[in-house]
């Protein structure tokens, strides 16, 4: 198992929650493809693909939904 880095989904603001969602998404890719050489080799392919970029946005949005729910949508 990878190092334990995620202590909580609770964030102070929606902006911090969105940044956490991006981190979750990026770490998910790194976790599923741990070889940095392969990641860097594949980057030009997905960086120039509208479908890949749309899929990335969707993953971030799903992670943001999770973080927002954990934070009760930042309601006081």
C-alpha atoms as a PDB file:
ATOM      1  CA  UNK A   1       0.000   0.000   0.000  1.00  0.00           C
ATOM      2  CA  UNK A   2       1.142   3.541  -0.731  1.00  0.00           C
ATOM      3  CA  UNK A   3       2.161   6.059   1.900  1.00  0.00           C
ATOM      4  CA  UNK A   4      -0.660   7.458   3.988  1.00  0.00           C
ATOM      5  CA  UNK A   5      -1.090  11.079   2.942  1.00  0.00           C
ATOM      6  CA  UNK A   6      -4.830  11.778   3.105  1.00  0.00           C
ATOM      7  CA  UNK A   7      -5.824  12.642   6.651  1.00  0.00           C
ATOM      8  CA  UNK A   8      -9.225  14.159   5.942  1.00  0.00           C
ATOM      9  CA  UNK A   9     -11.578  15.340   3.220  1.00  0.00           C
ATOM     10  CA  UNK A  10     -12.541  18.345   5.340  1.00  0.00           C
ATOM     11  CA  UNK A  11     -11.352  21.673   3.917  1.00  0.00           C
ATOM     12  CA  UNK A  12     -11.838  25.258   5.013  1.00  0.00           C
ATOM     13  CA  UNK A  13     -13.215  26.552   1.718  1.00  0.00           C
ATOM     14  CA  UNK A  14     -14.667  25.334  -1.568  1.00  0.00           C
ATOM     15  CA  UNK A  15     -11.461  26.471  -3.304  1.00  0.00           C
ATOM     16  CA  UNK A  16      -9.376  24.282  -0.999  1.00  0.00           C
ATOM     17  CA  UNK A  17     -11.855  21.474  -1.647  1.00  0.00           C
ATOM     18  CA  UNK A  18     -11.440  21.848  -5.396  1.00  0.00           C
ATOM     19  CA  UNK A  19      -7.666  21.769  -5.039  1.00  0.00           C
ATOM     20  CA  UNK A  20      -8.004  18.602  -2.954  1.00  0.00           C
ATOM     21  CA  UNK A  21     -10.172  17.097  -5.705  1.00  0.00           C
ATOM     22  CA  UNK A  22      -7.409  17.814  -8.228  1.00  0.00           C
ATOM     23  CA  UNK A  23      -4.844  16.239  -5.911  1.00  0.00           C
ATOM     24  CA  UNK A  24      -7.044  13.153  -5.502  1.00  0.00           C
ATOM     25  CA  UNK A  25      -7.344  12.872  -9.267  1.00  0.00           C
ATOM     26  CA  UNK A  26      -3.632  13.260  -9.909  1.00  0.00           C
ATOM     27  CA  UNK A  27      -2.689  10.807  -7.193  1.00  0.00           C
ATOM     28  CA  UNK A  28      -5.169   8.324  -8.625  1.00  0.00           C
ATOM     29  CA  UNK A  29      -3.313   8.395 -11.929  1.00  0.00           C
ATOM     30  CA  UNK A  30       0.044   8.106 -10.196  1.00  0.00           C
ATOM     31  CA  UNK A  31      -1.234   5.196  -8.090  1.00  0.00           C
ATOM     32  CA  UNK A  32      -2.522   3.268 -11.089  1.00  0.00           C
ATOM     33  CA  UNK A  33       0.598   3.995 -13.182  1.00  0.00           C
ATOM     34  CA  UNK A  34       3.506   4.273 -10.730  1.00  0.00           C
ATOM     35  CA  UNK A  35       6.226   4.334 -13.400  1.00  0.00           C
ATOM     36  CA  UNK A  36       7.124   8.019 -13.921  1.00  0.00           C
ATOM     37  CA  UNK A  37       8.828   7.229 -17.230  1.00  0.00           C
ATOM     38  CA  UNK A  38       5.604   5.767 -18.637  1.00  0.00           C
ATOM     39  CA  UNK A  39       3.572   8.698 -17.281  1.00  0.00           C
ATOM     40  CA  UNK A  40       5.844  11.238 -18.973  1.00  0.00           C
ATOM     41  CA  UNK A  41       5.876   9.228 -22.202  1.00  0.00           C
ATOM     42  CA  UNK A  42       2.062   9.134 -22.356  1.00  0.00           C
ATOM     43  CA  UNK A  43       1.496  12.757 -21.369  1.00  0.00           C
ATOM     44  CA  UNK A  44       1.740  14.249 -24.912  1.00  0.00           C
ATOM     45  CA  UNK A  45      -0.948  11.820 -26.105  1.00  0.00           C
ATOM     46  CA  UNK A  46      -3.561  12.721 -23.506  1.00  0.00           C
ATOM     47  CA  UNK A  47      -2.535  16.376 -23.198  1.00  0.00           C
ATOM     48  CA  UNK A  48      -3.571  16.933 -26.815  1.00  0.00           C
ATOM     49  CA  UNK A  49      -6.737  14.845 -26.773  1.00  0.00           C
ATOM     50  CA  UNK A  50     -10.052  16.606 -26.247  1.00  0.00           C
ATOM     51  CA  UNK A  51     -11.616  13.335 -25.093  1.00  0.00           C
ATOM     52  CA  UNK A  52      -8.869  12.722 -22.545  1.00  0.00           C
ATOM     53  CA  UNK A  53      -9.073  16.265 -21.212  1.00  0.00           C
ATOM     54  CA  UNK A  54     -12.853  15.977 -20.914  1.00  0.00           C
ATOM     55  CA  UNK A  55     -12.429  12.695 -19.023  1.00  0.00           C
ATOM     56  CA  UNK A  56      -9.929  14.340 -16.660  1.00  0.00           C
ATOM     57  CA  UNK A  57     -12.406  17.134 -15.971  1.00  0.00           C
ATOM     58  CA  UNK A  58     -15.081  14.562 -15.210  1.00  0.00           C
ATOM     59  CA  UNK A  59     -12.859  12.724 -12.710  1.00  0.00           C
ATOM     60  CA  UNK A  60     -12.029  16.011 -10.969  1.00  0.00           C
ATOM     61  CA  UNK A  61     -15.743  16.895 -10.840  1.00  0.00           C
ATOM     62  CA  UNK A  62     -16.605  13.535  -9.272  1.00  0.00           C
ATOM     63  CA  UNK A  63     -13.864  13.954  -6.687  1.00  0.00           C
ATOM     64  CA  UNK A  64     -15.086  17.485  -5.971  1.00  0.00           C
ATOM     65  CA  UNK A  65     -18.614  16.148  -5.397  1.00  0.00           C
ATOM     66  CA  UNK A  66     -17.187  13.745  -2.826  1.00  0.00           C
ATOM     67  CA  UNK A  67     -15.203  16.453  -1.050  1.00  0.00           C
ATOM     68  CA  UNK A  68     -18.155  18.870  -1.113  1.00  0.00           C
ATOM     69  CA  UNK A  69     -20.464  16.253   0.414  1.00  0.00           C
ATOM     70  CA  UNK A  70     -17.879  15.502   3.125  1.00  0.00           C
ATOM     71  CA  UNK A  71     -17.851  19.220   3.941  1.00  0.00           C
ATOM     72  CA  UNK A  72     -21.647  19.533   3.964  1.00  0.00           C
ATOM     73  CA  UNK A  73     -21.215  21.830   0.962  1.00  0.00           C
ATOM     74  CA  UNK A  74     -19.478  24.360   3.242  1.00  0.00           C
ATOM     75  CA  UNK A  75     -22.742  25.338   4.917  1.00  0.00           C
ATOM     76  CA  UNK A  76     -22.322  26.778   8.365  1.00  0.00           C
END
